[in-house]
Amino acid sequence: MFSPPWQGLNPAPNIDYRGNACDNPIVHDGHENGGTIESRITSQGQVSIPARIRRRLGLTKGSRIEWCERGEEVIVRRASTYSSLDIHRAVFSRPPPRKSLASLDEGIRSHMRRSHARR
């Protein structure tokens, strides 16, 4: 049975998401929205995610995030989609058993007999 790589992890224990993906998170540290952290946008349009936020969301190199517009606000959250590698690992959790040369030869012989048998 497939289980997502983050199952059992709670990367953001203080955040309670209510409603759909674009709803505001409620942060339970005594302050609504948990304060403000500032970042700068580079000339290429890139932005750094503060270390505290990366740790809280469990983000590492290559992690995917979602940007959700809601009025004048933009909500950033960890993307919850599966990558093709996640799906491949779930479907093919173990490599197929190796076949011996003798069994391959027998398979070829069997196929040839069936495909060239008189009808």
PDB file of N, CA and C in Angstrom:
ATOM      1  N   MET A   1       0.848  -1.181   0.000  1.00  0.00           N
ATOM      2  CA  MET A   1       0.000   0.000   0.000  1.00  0.00           C
ATOM      3  C   MET A   1       0.886   1.234   0.000  1.00  0.00           C
ATOM      4  N   PHE A   2       0.528   2.213  -0.816  1.00  0.00           N
ATOM      5  CA  PHE A   2       1.317   3.439  -0.929  1.00  0.00           C
ATOM      6  C   PHE A   2       1.014   4.377   0.223  1.00  0.00           C
ATOM      7  N   SER A   3       2.070   4.925   0.790  1.00  0.00           N
ATOM      8  CA  SER A   3       1.877   5.976   1.783  1.00  0.00           C
ATOM      9  C   SER A   3       2.762   7.140   1.374  1.00  0.00           C
ATOM     10  N   PRO A   4       2.220   8.355   1.394  1.00  0.00           N
ATOM     11  CA  PRO A   4       3.000   9.501   0.966  1.00  0.00           C
ATOM     12  C   PRO A   4       4.236   9.674   1.841  1.00  0.00           C
ATOM     13  N   PRO A   5       5.320  10.255   1.274  1.00  0.00           N
ATOM     14  CA  PRO A   5       6.560  10.382   2.022  1.00  0.00           C
ATOM     15  C   PRO A   5       6.431  11.206   3.295  1.00  0.00           C
ATOM     16  N   TRP A   6       5.426  12.073   3.374  1.00  0.00           N
ATOM     17  CA  TRP A   6       5.277  12.917   4.560  1.00  0.00           C
ATOM     18  C   TRP A   6       4.298  12.344   5.570  1.00  0.00           C
ATOM     19  N   GLN A   7       3.736  11.152   5.291  1.00  0.00           N
ATOM     20  CA  GLN A   7       2.777  10.564   6.234  1.00  0.00           C
ATOM     21  C   GLN A   7       3.473  10.310   7.564  1.00  0.00           C
ATOM     22  N   GLY A   8       2.826  10.637   8.612  1.00  0.00           N
ATOM     23  CA  GLY A   8       3.395  10.461   9.938  1.00  0.00           C
ATOM     24  C   GLY A   8       4.187  11.677  10.393  1.00  0.00           C
ATOM     25  N   LEU A   9       4.504  12.576   9.477  1.00  0.00           N
ATOM     26  CA  LEU A   9       5.225  13.794   9.834  1.00  0.00           C
ATOM     27  C   LEU A   9       4.226  14.919  10.024  1.00  0.00           C
ATOM     28  N   ASN A  10       4.516  15.798  10.918  1.00  0.00           N
ATOM     29  CA  ASN A  10       3.694  16.983  11.088  1.00  0.00           C
ATOM     30  C   ASN A  10       4.629  18.181  11.004  1.00  0.00           C
ATOM     31  N   PRO A  11       4.984  18.616   9.774  1.00  0.00           N
ATOM     32  CA  PRO A  11       5.979  19.659   9.629  1.00  0.00           C
ATOM     33  C   PRO A  11       5.556  21.002  10.199  1.00  0.00           C
ATOM     34  N   ALA A  12       4.279  21.241  10.350  1.00  0.00           N
ATOM     35  CA  ALA A  12       3.821  22.523  10.872  1.00  0.00           C
ATOM     36  C   ALA A  12       2.785  22.288  11.967  1.00  0.00           C
ATOM     37  N   PRO A  13       3.220  21.824  13.154  1.00  0.00           N
ATOM     38  CA  PRO A  13       2.251  21.465  14.186  1.00  0.00           C
ATOM     39  C   PRO A  13       1.427  22.626  14.704  1.00  0.00           C
ATOM     40  N   ASN A  14       1.905  23.860  14.554  1.00  0.00           N
ATOM     41  CA  ASN A  14       1.169  25.000  15.088  1.00  0.00           C
ATOM     42  C   ASN A  14       0.177  25.591  14.105  1.00  0.00           C
ATOM     43  N   ILE A  15       0.128  25.060  12.886  1.00  0.00           N
ATOM     44  CA  ILE A  15      -0.762  25.640  11.883  1.00  0.00           C
ATOM     45  C   ILE A  15      -1.988  24.760  11.706  1.00  0.00           C
ATOM     46  N   ASP A  16      -3.130  25.388  11.732  1.00  0.00           N
ATOM     47  CA  ASP A  16      -4.400  24.690  11.548  1.00  0.00           C
ATOM     48  C   ASP A  16      -5.042  25.253  10.290  1.00  0.00           C
ATOM     49  N   TYR A  17      -5.040  24.482   9.196  1.00  0.00           N
ATOM     50  CA  TYR A  17      -5.660  24.953   7.958  1.00  0.00           C
ATOM     51  C   TYR A  17      -7.137  24.622   7.998  1.00  0.00           C
ATOM     52  N   ARG A  18      -7.958  25.627   7.822  1.00  0.00           N
ATOM     53  CA  ARG A  18      -9.404  25.430   7.831  1.00  0.00           C
ATOM     54  C   ARG A  18      -9.953  25.845   6.482  1.00  0.00           C
ATOM     55  N   GLY A  19     -10.851  25.056   5.928  1.00  0.00           N
ATOM     56  CA  GLY A  19     -11.454  25.391   4.644  1.00  0.00           C
ATOM     57  C   GLY A  19     -10.567  24.967   3.495  1.00  0.00           C
ATOM     58  N   ASN A  20     -10.656  25.695   2.366  1.00  0.00           N
ATOM     59  CA  ASN A  20      -9.895  25.291   1.191  1.00  0.00           C
ATOM     60  C   ASN A  20      -8.453  25.771   1.255  1.00  0.00           C
ATOM     61  N   ALA A  21      -7.710  25.477   0.190  1.00  0.00           N
ATOM     62  CA  ALA A  21      -6.276  25.754   0.170  1.00  0.00           C
ATOM     63  C   ALA A  21      -5.954  27.233   0.310  1.00  0.00           C
ATOM     64  N   CYS A  22      -6.856  28.106  -0.045  1.00  0.00           N
ATOM     65  CA  CYS A  22      -6.568  29.541  -0.011  1.00  0.00           C
ATOM     66  C   CYS A  22      -7.012  30.219   1.281  1.00  0.00           C
ATOM     67  N   ASP A  23      -7.561  29.476   2.219  1.00  0.00           N
ATOM     68  CA  ASP A  23      -7.963  30.090   3.481  1.00  0.00           C
ATOM     69  C   ASP A  23      -6.736  30.419   4.322  1.00  0.00           C
ATOM     70  N   ASN A  24      -6.876  31.448   5.149  1.00  0.00           N
ATOM     71  CA  ASN A  24      -5.773  31.838   6.019  1.00  0.00           C
ATOM     72  C   ASN A  24      -5.477  30.764   7.049  1.00  0.00           C
ATOM     73  N   PRO A  25      -4.192  30.499   7.301  1.00  0.00           N
ATOM     74  CA  PRO A  25      -3.868  29.596   8.391  1.00  0.00           C
ATOM     75  C   PRO A  25      -4.013  30.327   9.719  1.00  0.00           C
ATOM     76  N   ILE A  26      -4.389  29.607  10.729  1.00  0.00           N
ATOM     77  CA  ILE A  26      -4.460  30.165  12.074  1.00  0.00           C
ATOM     78  C   ILE A  26      -3.264  29.607  12.833  1.00  0.00           C
ATOM     79  N   VAL A  27      -2.389  30.478  13.308  1.00  0.00           N
ATOM     80  CA  VAL A  27      -1.179  30.036  13.988  1.00  0.00           C
ATOM     81  C   VAL A  27      -1.405  30.111  15.481  1.00  0.00           C
ATOM     82  N   HIS A  28      -1.143  28.993  16.160  1.00  0.00           N
ATOM     83  CA  HIS A  28      -1.414  28.899  17.592  1.00  0.00           C
ATOM     84  C   HIS A  28      -0.164  29.185  18.423  1.00  0.00           C
ATOM     85  N   ASP A  29       0.379  30.390  18.301  1.00  0.00           N
ATOM     86  CA  ASP A  29       1.502  30.747  19.165  1.00  0.00           C
ATOM     87  C   ASP A  29       1.191  32.024  19.932  1.00  0.00           C
ATOM     88  N   GLY A  30      -0.098  32.290  20.097  1.00  0.00           N
ATOM     89  CA  GLY A  30      -0.497  33.467  20.849  1.00  0.00           C
ATOM     90  C   GLY A  30      -0.842  34.653  19.958  1.00  0.00           C
ATOM     91  N   HIS A  31      -0.437  34.614  18.698  1.00  0.00           N
ATOM     92  CA  HIS A  31      -0.721  35.719  17.783  1.00  0.00           C
ATOM     93  C   HIS A  31      -1.401  35.188  16.534  1.00  0.00           C
ATOM     94  N   GLU A  32      -2.454  35.856  16.128  1.00  0.00           N
ATOM     95  CA  GLU A  32      -3.086  35.524  14.850  1.00  0.00           C
ATOM     96  C   GLU A  32      -2.075  35.831  13.750  1.00  0.00           C
ATOM     97  N   ASN A  33      -1.893  34.917  12.816  1.00  0.00           N
ATOM     98  CA  ASN A  33      -0.950  35.019  11.704  1.00  0.00           C
ATOM     99  C   ASN A  33       0.510  34.972  12.130  1.00  0.00           C
ATOM    100  N   GLY A  34       0.822  34.855  13.411  1.00  0.00           N
ATOM    101  CA  GLY A  34       2.177  34.562  13.866  1.00  0.00           C
ATOM    102  C   GLY A  34       3.243  35.602  13.609  1.00  0.00           C
ATOM    103  N   GLY A  35       2.914  36.837  13.340  1.00  0.00           N
ATOM    104  CA  GLY A  35       3.924  37.846  13.101  1.00  0.00           C
ATOM    105  C   GLY A  35       4.300  37.930  11.632  1.00  0.00           C
ATOM    106  N   THR A  36       5.254  38.803  11.335  1.00  0.00           N
ATOM    107  CA  THR A  36       5.645  39.048   9.955  1.00  0.00           C
ATOM    108  C   THR A  36       7.126  38.775   9.783  1.00  0.00           C
ATOM    109  N   ILE A  37       7.480  38.129   8.687  1.00  0.00           N
ATOM    110  CA  ILE A  37       8.875  37.918   8.321  1.00  0.00           C
ATOM    111  C   ILE A  37       9.048  38.539   6.944  1.00  0.00           C
ATOM    112  N   GLU A  38      10.118  39.306   6.777  1.00  0.00           N
ATOM    113  CA  GLU A  38      10.332  40.021   5.528  1.00  0.00           C
ATOM    114  C   GLU A  38      11.368  39.312   4.666  1.00  0.00           C
ATOM    115  N   SER A  39      11.167  39.326   3.346  1.00  0.00           N
ATOM    116  CA  SER A  39      12.133  38.798   2.380  1.00  0.00           C
ATOM    117  C   SER A  39      12.283  39.815   1.262  1.00  0.00           C
ATOM    118  N   ARG A  40      13.378  39.719   0.524  1.00  0.00           N
ATOM    119  CA  ARG A  40      13.595  40.600  -0.628  1.00  0.00           C
ATOM    120  C   ARG A  40      13.434  39.807  -1.915  1.00  0.00           C
ATOM    121  N   ILE A  41      13.002  40.487  -2.958  1.00  0.00           N
ATOM    122  CA  ILE A  41      12.885  39.890  -4.284  1.00  0.00           C
ATOM    123  C   ILE A  41      14.127  40.282  -5.076  1.00  0.00           C
ATOM    124  N   THR A  42      14.778  39.298  -5.709  1.00  0.00           N
ATOM    125  CA  THR A  42      15.973  39.572  -6.505  1.00  0.00           C
ATOM    126  C   THR A  42      15.583  40.188  -7.846  1.00  0.00           C
ATOM    127  N   SER A  43      16.582  40.652  -8.593  1.00  0.00           N
ATOM    128  CA  SER A  43      16.314  41.236  -9.913  1.00  0.00           C
ATOM    129  C   SER A  43      15.750  40.198 -10.881  1.00  0.00           C
ATOM    130  N   GLN A  44      15.962  38.909 -10.599  1.00  0.00           N
ATOM    131  CA  GLN A  44      15.399  37.840 -11.432  1.00  0.00           C
ATOM    132  C   GLN A  44      14.006  37.417 -10.969  1.00  0.00           C
ATOM    133  N   GLY A  45      13.458  38.091  -9.968  1.00  0.00           N
ATOM    134  CA  GLY A  45      12.118  37.765  -9.486  1.00  0.00           C
ATOM    135  C   GLY A  45      12.087  36.620  -8.492  1.00  0.00           C
ATOM    136  N   GLN A  46      13.242  36.228  -7.966  1.00  0.00           N
ATOM    137  CA  GLN A  46      13.288  35.136  -6.996  1.00  0.00           C
ATOM    138  C   GLN A  46      13.183  35.690  -5.584  1.00  0.00           C
ATOM    139  N   VAL A  47      12.673  34.861  -4.698  1.00  0.00           N
ATOM    140  CA  VAL A  47      12.528  35.259  -3.302  1.00  0.00           C
ATOM    141  C   VAL A  47      13.046  34.126  -2.422  1.00  0.00           C
ATOM    142  N   SER A  48      13.727  34.478  -1.343  1.00  0.00           N
ATOM    143  CA  SER A  48      14.208  33.467  -0.399  1.00  0.00           C
ATOM    144  C   SER A  48      13.142  33.222   0.652  1.00  0.00           C
ATOM    145  N   ILE A  49      12.952  31.960   0.983  1.00  0.00           N
ATOM    146  CA  ILE A  49      12.003  31.605   2.042  1.00  0.00           C
ATOM    147  C   ILE A  49      12.803  31.548   3.337  1.00  0.00           C
ATOM    148  N   PRO A  50      12.402  32.301   4.347  1.00  0.00           N
ATOM    149  CA  PRO A  50      13.148  32.327   5.598  1.00  0.00           C
ATOM    150  C   PRO A  50      13.316  30.927   6.202  1.00  0.00           C
ATOM    151  N   ALA A  51      14.460  30.714   6.856  1.00  0.00           N
ATOM    152  CA  ALA A  51      14.798  29.402   7.420  1.00  0.00           C
ATOM    153  C   ALA A  51      13.718  28.897   8.371  1.00  0.00           C
ATOM    154  N   ARG A  52      13.170  29.787   9.190  1.00  0.00           N
ATOM    155  CA  ARG A  52      12.130  29.365  10.144  1.00  0.00           C
ATOM    156  C   ARG A  52      10.923  28.776   9.418  1.00  0.00           C
ATOM    157  N   ILE A  53      10.532  29.396   8.311  1.00  0.00           N
ATOM    158  CA  ILE A  53       9.388  28.914   7.530  1.00  0.00           C
ATOM    159  C   ILE A  53       9.743  27.606   6.838  1.00  0.00           C
ATOM    160  N   ARG A  54      10.967  27.520   6.274  1.00  0.00           N
ATOM    161  CA  ARG A  54      11.392  26.270   5.622  1.00  0.00           C
ATOM    162  C   ARG A  54      11.366  25.111   6.607  1.00  0.00           C
ATOM    163  N   ARG A  55      11.876  25.346   7.807  1.00  0.00           N
ATOM    164  CA  ARG A  55      11.871  24.278   8.829  1.00  0.00           C
ATOM    165  C   ARG A  55      10.448  23.909   9.213  1.00  0.00           C
ATOM    166  N   ARG A  56       9.606  24.905   9.426  1.00  0.00           N
ATOM    167  CA  ARG A  56       8.228  24.663   9.855  1.00  0.00           C
ATOM    168  C   ARG A  56       7.451  23.855   8.818  1.00  0.00           C
ATOM    169  N   LEU A  57       7.682  24.129   7.530  1.00  0.00           N
ATOM    170  CA  LEU A  57       6.965  23.424   6.465  1.00  0.00           C
ATOM    171  C   LEU A  57       7.705  22.189   5.963  1.00  0.00           C
ATOM    172  N   GLY A  58       8.911  21.946   6.482  1.00  0.00           N
ATOM    173  CA  GLY A  58       9.677  20.781   6.049  1.00  0.00           C
ATOM    174  C   GLY A  58      10.180  20.912   4.622  1.00  0.00           C
ATOM    175  N   LEU A  59      10.524  22.127   4.197  1.00  0.00           N
ATOM    176  CA  LEU A  59      10.981  22.365   2.828  1.00  0.00           C
ATOM    177  C   LEU A  59      12.481  22.149   2.717  1.00  0.00           C
ATOM    178  N   THR A  60      12.903  21.457   1.678  1.00  0.00           N
ATOM    179  CA  THR A  60      14.317  21.250   1.389  1.00  0.00           C
ATOM    180  C   THR A  60      14.551  21.573  -0.082  1.00  0.00           C
ATOM    181  N   LYS A  61      15.786  21.444  -0.538  1.00  0.00           N
ATOM    182  CA  LYS A  61      16.108  21.713  -1.941  1.00  0.00           C
ATOM    183  C   LYS A  61      15.218  20.857  -2.839  1.00  0.00           C
ATOM    184  N   GLY A  62      14.592  21.480  -3.804  1.00  0.00           N
ATOM    185  CA  GLY A  62      13.722  20.755  -4.725  1.00  0.00           C
ATOM    186  C   GLY A  62      12.276  20.644  -4.265  1.00  0.00           C
ATOM    187  N   SER A  63      11.975  21.056  -3.029  1.00  0.00           N
ATOM    188  CA  SER A  63      10.589  21.022  -2.554  1.00  0.00           C
ATOM    189  C   SER A  63       9.743  21.953  -3.408  1.00  0.00           C
ATOM    190  N   ARG A  64       8.483  21.609  -3.554  1.00  0.00           N
ATOM    191  CA  ARG A  64       7.561  22.424  -4.350  1.00  0.00           C
ATOM    192  C   ARG A  64       6.630  23.181  -3.411  1.00  0.00           C
ATOM    193  N   ILE A  65       6.376  24.447  -3.754  1.00  0.00           N
ATOM    194  CA  ILE A  65       5.443  25.256  -2.977  1.00  0.00           C
ATOM    195  C   ILE A  65       4.363  25.787  -3.910  1.00  0.00           C
ATOM    196  N   GLU A  66       3.238  26.153  -3.320  1.00  0.00           N
ATOM    197  CA  GLU A  66       2.110  26.717  -4.071  1.00  0.00           C
ATOM    198  C   GLU A  66       1.908  28.160  -3.637  1.00  0.00           C
ATOM    199  N   TRP A  67       1.579  29.012  -4.590  1.00  0.00           N
ATOM    200  CA  TRP A  67       1.250  30.406  -4.336  1.00  0.00           C
ATOM    201  C   TRP A  67      -0.230  30.568  -4.634  1.00  0.00           C
ATOM    202  N   CYS A  68      -0.987  31.023  -3.671  1.00  0.00           N
ATOM    203  CA  CYS A  68      -2.436  31.137  -3.828  1.00  0.00           C
ATOM    204  C   CYS A  68      -2.853  32.590  -3.580  1.00  0.00           C
ATOM    205  N   GLU A  69      -3.442  33.215  -4.587  1.00  0.00           N
ATOM    206  CA  GLU A  69      -3.906  34.597  -4.461  1.00  0.00           C
ATOM    207  C   GLU A  69      -5.300  34.622  -3.866  1.00  0.00           C
ATOM    208  N   ARG A  70      -5.484  35.538  -2.933  1.00  0.00           N
ATOM    209  CA  ARG A  70      -6.802  35.719  -2.318  1.00  0.00           C
ATOM    210  C   ARG A  70      -6.974  37.196  -1.997  1.00  0.00           C
ATOM    211  N   GLY A  71      -7.619  37.898  -2.914  1.00  0.00           N
ATOM    212  CA  GLY A  71      -7.755  39.342  -2.738  1.00  0.00           C
ATOM    213  C   GLY A  71      -6.395  40.006  -2.805  1.00  0.00           C
ATOM    214  N   GLU A  72      -6.057  40.759  -1.768  1.00  0.00           N
ATOM    215  CA  GLU A  72      -4.767  41.439  -1.688  1.00  0.00           C
ATOM    216  C   GLU A  72      -3.698  40.575  -1.035  1.00  0.00           C
ATOM    217  N   GLU A  73      -4.050  39.366  -0.628  1.00  0.00           N
ATOM    218  CA  GLU A  73      -3.104  38.480   0.055  1.00  0.00           C
ATOM    219  C   GLU A  73      -2.620  37.384  -0.882  1.00  0.00           C
ATOM    220  N   VAL A  74      -1.410  36.909  -0.611  1.00  0.00           N
ATOM    221  CA  VAL A  74      -0.872  35.739  -1.297  1.00  0.00           C
ATOM    222  C   VAL A  74      -0.458  34.755  -0.216  1.00  0.00           C
ATOM    223  N   ILE A  75      -0.950  33.542  -0.328  1.00  0.00           N
ATOM    224  CA  ILE A  75      -0.644  32.505   0.651  1.00  0.00           C
ATOM    225  C   ILE A  75       0.337  31.532   0.018  1.00  0.00           C
ATOM    226  N   VAL A  76       1.412  31.245   0.727  1.00  0.00           N
ATOM    227  CA  VAL A  76       2.421  30.301   0.255  1.00  0.00           C
ATOM    228  C   VAL A  76       2.335  29.068   1.136  1.00  0.00           C
ATOM    229  N   ARG A  77       2.260  27.894   0.499  1.00  0.00           N
ATOM    230  CA  ARG A  77       2.206  26.664   1.285  1.00  0.00           C
ATOM    231  C   ARG A  77       2.916  25.556   0.533  1.00  0.00           C
ATOM    232  N   ARG A  78       3.239  24.520   1.251  1.00  0.00           N
ATOM    233  CA  ARG A  78       3.886  23.359   0.655  1.00  0.00           C
ATOM    234  C   ARG A  78       2.915  22.691  -0.315  1.00  0.00           C
ATOM    235  N   ALA A  79       3.381  22.364  -1.519  1.00  0.00           N
ATOM    236  CA  ALA A  79       2.539  21.692  -2.511  1.00  0.00           C
ATOM    237  C   ALA A  79       2.294  20.257  -2.056  1.00  0.00           C
ATOM    238  N   SER A  80       1.080  19.790  -2.269  1.00  0.00           N
ATOM    239  CA  SER A  80       0.732  18.452  -1.793  1.00  0.00           C
ATOM    240  C   SER A  80       0.576  17.453  -2.925  1.00  0.00           C
ATOM    241  N   THR A  81       1.186  17.732  -4.068  1.00  0.00           N
ATOM    242  CA  THR A  81       1.072  16.810  -5.195  1.00  0.00           C
ATOM    243  C   THR A  81       2.164  15.755  -5.124  1.00  0.00           C
ATOM    244  N   TYR A  82       1.908  14.652  -5.758  1.00  0.00           N
ATOM    245  CA  TYR A  82       2.898  13.588  -5.825  1.00  0.00           C
ATOM    246  C   TYR A  82       3.778  13.802  -7.044  1.00  0.00           C
ATOM    247  N   SER A  83       5.059  13.555  -6.897  1.00  0.00           N
ATOM    248  CA  SER A  83       5.954  13.631  -8.047  1.00  0.00           C
ATOM    249  C   SER A  83       5.908  12.302  -8.792  1.00  0.00           C
ATOM    250  N   SER A  84       6.410  12.300 -10.014  1.00  0.00           N
ATOM    251  CA  SER A  84       6.437  11.048 -10.774  1.00  0.00           C
ATOM    252  C   SER A  84       7.328  10.029 -10.082  1.00  0.00           C
ATOM    253  N   LEU A  85       8.362  10.496  -9.382  1.00  0.00           N
ATOM    254  CA  LEU A  85       9.224   9.575  -8.639  1.00  0.00           C
ATOM    255  C   LEU A  85       8.455   8.933  -7.483  1.00  0.00           C
ATOM    256  N   ASP A  86       7.615   9.706  -6.775  1.00  0.00           N
ATOM    257  CA  ASP A  86       6.783   9.144  -5.704  1.00  0.00           C
ATOM    258  C   ASP A  86       5.876   8.047  -6.246  1.00  0.00           C
ATOM    259  N   ILE A  87       5.253   8.309  -7.384  1.00  0.00           N
ATOM    260  CA  ILE A  87       4.336   7.331  -7.979  1.00  0.00           C
ATOM    261  C   ILE A  87       5.102   6.094  -8.427  1.00  0.00           C
ATOM    262  N   HIS A  88       6.257   6.289  -9.059  1.00  0.00           N
ATOM    263  CA  HIS A  88       7.065   5.149  -9.508  1.00  0.00           C
ATOM    264  C   HIS A  88       7.467   4.272  -8.321  1.00  0.00           C
ATOM    265  N   ARG A  89       7.916   4.906  -7.250  1.00  0.00           N
ATOM    266  CA  ARG A  89       8.330   4.137  -6.063  1.00  0.00           C
ATOM    267  C   ARG A  89       7.155   3.398  -5.444  1.00  0.00           C
ATOM    268  N   ALA A  90       5.965   3.978  -5.510  1.00  0.00           N
ATOM    269  CA  ALA A  90       4.784   3.315  -4.953  1.00  0.00           C
ATOM    270  C   ALA A  90       4.387   2.113  -5.790  1.00  0.00           C
ATOM    271  N   VAL A  91       4.432   2.254  -7.107  1.00  0.00           N
ATOM    272  CA  VAL A  91       4.017   1.169  -7.994  1.00  0.00           C
ATOM    273  C   VAL A  91       5.084   0.084  -8.070  1.00  0.00           C
ATOM    274  N   PHE A  92       6.329   0.486  -8.126  1.00  0.00           N
ATOM    275  CA  PHE A  92       7.433  -0.464  -8.262  1.00  0.00           C
ATOM    276  C   PHE A  92       8.305  -0.408  -7.014  1.00  0.00           C
ATOM    277  N   SER A  93       7.734  -0.807  -5.894  1.00  0.00           N
ATOM    278  CA  SER A  93       8.470  -0.709  -4.633  1.00  0.00           C
ATOM    279  C   SER A  93       9.667  -1.653  -4.589  1.00  0.00           C
ATOM    280  N   ARG A  94       9.561  -2.771  -5.281  1.00  0.00           N
ATOM    281  CA  ARG A  94      10.691  -3.700  -5.361  1.00  0.00           C
ATOM    282  C   ARG A  94      11.004  -3.967  -6.829  1.00  0.00           C
ATOM    283  N   PRO A  95      12.292  -4.125  -7.169  1.00  0.00           N
ATOM    284  CA  PRO A  95      12.603  -4.445  -8.561  1.00  0.00           C
ATOM    285  C   PRO A  95      12.111  -5.851  -8.897  1.00  0.00           C
ATOM    286  N   PRO A  96      11.811  -6.106 -10.164  1.00  0.00           N
ATOM    287  CA  PRO A  96      11.348  -7.447 -10.528  1.00  0.00           C
ATOM    288  C   PRO A  96      12.446  -8.475 -10.267  1.00  0.00           C
ATOM    289  N   PRO A  97      12.060  -9.712  -9.938  1.00  0.00           N
ATOM    290  CA  PRO A  97      13.086 -10.732  -9.674  1.00  0.00           C
ATOM    291  C   PRO A  97      13.889 -11.010 -10.942  1.00  0.00           C
ATOM    292  N   ARG A  98      15.179 -11.242 -10.766  1.00  0.00           N
ATOM    293  CA  ARG A  98      16.046 -11.538 -11.911  1.00  0.00           C
ATOM    294  C   ARG A  98      15.760 -12.940 -12.418  1.00  0.00           C
ATOM    295  N   LYS A  99      15.733 -13.077 -13.724  1.00  0.00           N
ATOM    296  CA  LYS A  99      15.500 -14.388 -14.324  1.00  0.00           C
ATOM    297  C   LYS A  99      16.839 -14.976 -14.735  1.00  0.00           C
ATOM    298  N   SER A 100      16.915 -16.288 -14.644  1.00  0.00           N
ATOM    299  CA  SER A 100      18.148 -16.962 -15.058  1.00  0.00           C
ATOM    300  C   SER A 100      18.185 -17.056 -16.577  1.00  0.00           C
ATOM    301  N   LEU A 101      19.365 -17.287 -17.104  1.00  0.00           N
ATOM    302  CA  LEU A 101      19.530 -17.436 -18.544  1.00  0.00           C
ATOM    303  C   LEU A 101      18.736 -18.634 -19.056  1.00  0.00           C
ATOM    304  N   ALA A 102      18.709 -19.716 -18.266  1.00  0.00           N
ATOM    305  CA  ALA A 102      17.963 -20.919 -18.663  1.00  0.00           C
ATOM    306  C   ALA A 102      16.468 -20.620 -18.772  1.00  0.00           C
ATOM    307  N   SER A 103      15.916 -19.843 -17.831  1.00  0.00           N
ATOM    308  CA  SER A 103      14.486 -19.544 -17.891  1.00  0.00           C
ATOM    309  C   SER A 103      14.169 -18.621 -19.073  1.00  0.00           C
ATOM    310  N   LEU A 104      15.089 -17.708 -19.417  1.00  0.00           N
ATOM    311  CA  LEU A 104      14.893 -16.864 -20.591  1.00  0.00           C
ATOM    312  C   LEU A 104      14.895 -17.708 -21.866  1.00  0.00           C
ATOM    313  N   ASP A 105      15.850 -18.643 -21.963  1.00  0.00           N
ATOM    314  CA  ASP A 105      15.902 -19.543 -23.127  1.00  0.00           C
ATOM    315  C   ASP A 105      14.615 -20.347 -23.243  1.00  0.00           C
ATOM    316  N   GLU A 106      14.124 -20.859 -22.123  1.00  0.00           N
ATOM    317  CA  GLU A 106      12.888 -21.650 -22.137  1.00  0.00           C
ATOM    318  C   GLU A 106      11.704 -20.784 -22.571  1.00  0.00           C
ATOM    319  N   GLY A 107      11.654 -19.553 -22.132  1.00  0.00           N
ATOM    320  CA  GLY A 107      10.586 -18.643 -22.531  1.00  0.00           C
ATOM    321  C   GLY A 107      10.598 -18.372 -24.028  1.00  0.00           C
ATOM    322  N   ILE A 108      11.795 -18.198 -24.580  1.00  0.00           N
ATOM    323  CA  ILE A 108      11.913 -17.977 -26.030  1.00  0.00           C
ATOM    324  C   ILE A 108      11.454 -19.217 -26.792  1.00  0.00           C
ATOM    325  N   ARG A 109      11.918 -20.397 -26.327  1.00  0.00           N
ATOM    326  CA  ARG A 109      11.508 -21.656 -26.974  1.00  0.00           C
ATOM    327  C   ARG A 109       9.991 -21.809 -26.947  1.00  0.00           C
ATOM    328  N   SER A 110       9.397 -21.566 -25.806  1.00  0.00           N
ATOM    329  CA  SER A 110       7.955 -21.707 -25.645  1.00  0.00           C
ATOM    330  C   SER A 110       7.213 -20.750 -26.586  1.00  0.00           C
ATOM    331  N   HIS A 111       7.672 -19.526 -26.657  1.00  0.00           N
ATOM    332  CA  HIS A 111       7.043 -18.539 -27.540  1.00  0.00           C
ATOM    333  C   HIS A 111       7.154 -18.969 -29.004  1.00  0.00           C
ATOM    334  N   MET A 112       8.321 -19.436 -29.397  1.00  0.00           N
ATOM    335  CA  MET A 112       8.528 -19.865 -30.787  1.00  0.00           C
ATOM    336  C   MET A 112       7.616 -21.046 -31.123  1.00  0.00           C
ATOM    337  N   ARG A 113       7.479 -21.998 -30.183  1.00  0.00           N
ATOM    338  CA  ARG A 113       6.599 -23.150 -30.420  1.00  0.00           C
ATOM    339  C   ARG A 113       5.161 -22.687 -30.638  1.00  0.00           C
ATOM    340  N   ARG A 114       4.695 -21.786 -29.778  1.00  0.00           N
ATOM    341  CA  ARG A 114       3.317 -21.305 -29.887  1.00  0.00           C
ATOM    342  C   ARG A 114       3.091 -20.494 -31.156  1.00  0.00           C
ATOM    343  N   SER A 115       4.012 -19.609 -31.464  1.00  0.00           N
ATOM    344  CA  SER A 115       3.790 -18.722 -32.609  1.00  0.00           C
ATOM    345  C   SER A 115       3.994 -19.413 -33.955  1.00  0.00           C
ATOM    346  N   HIS A 116       4.757 -20.512 -33.991  1.00  0.00           N
ATOM    347  CA  HIS A 116       5.007 -21.210 -35.254  1.00  0.00           C
ATOM    348  C   HIS A 116       4.330 -22.571 -35.320  1.00  0.00           C
ATOM    349  N   ALA A 117       3.454 -22.875 -34.406  1.00  0.00           N
ATOM    350  CA  ALA A 117       2.745 -24.162 -34.433  1.00  0.00           C
ATOM    351  C   ALA A 117       1.765 -24.169 -35.594  1.00  0.00           C
ATOM    352  N   ARG A 118       1.586 -25.346 -36.166  1.00  0.00           N
ATOM    353  CA  ARG A 118       0.612 -25.469 -37.260  1.00  0.00           C
ATOM    354  C   ARG A 118      -0.781 -25.339 -36.695  1.00  0.00           C
ATOM    355  N   ARG A 119      -1.612 -24.729 -37.432  1.00  0.00           N
ATOM    356  CA  ARG A 119      -2.972 -24.505 -36.949  1.00  0.00           C
ATOM    357  C   ARG A 119      -3.933 -25.370 -37.659  1.00  0.00           C
TER     358      ARG A 119
END
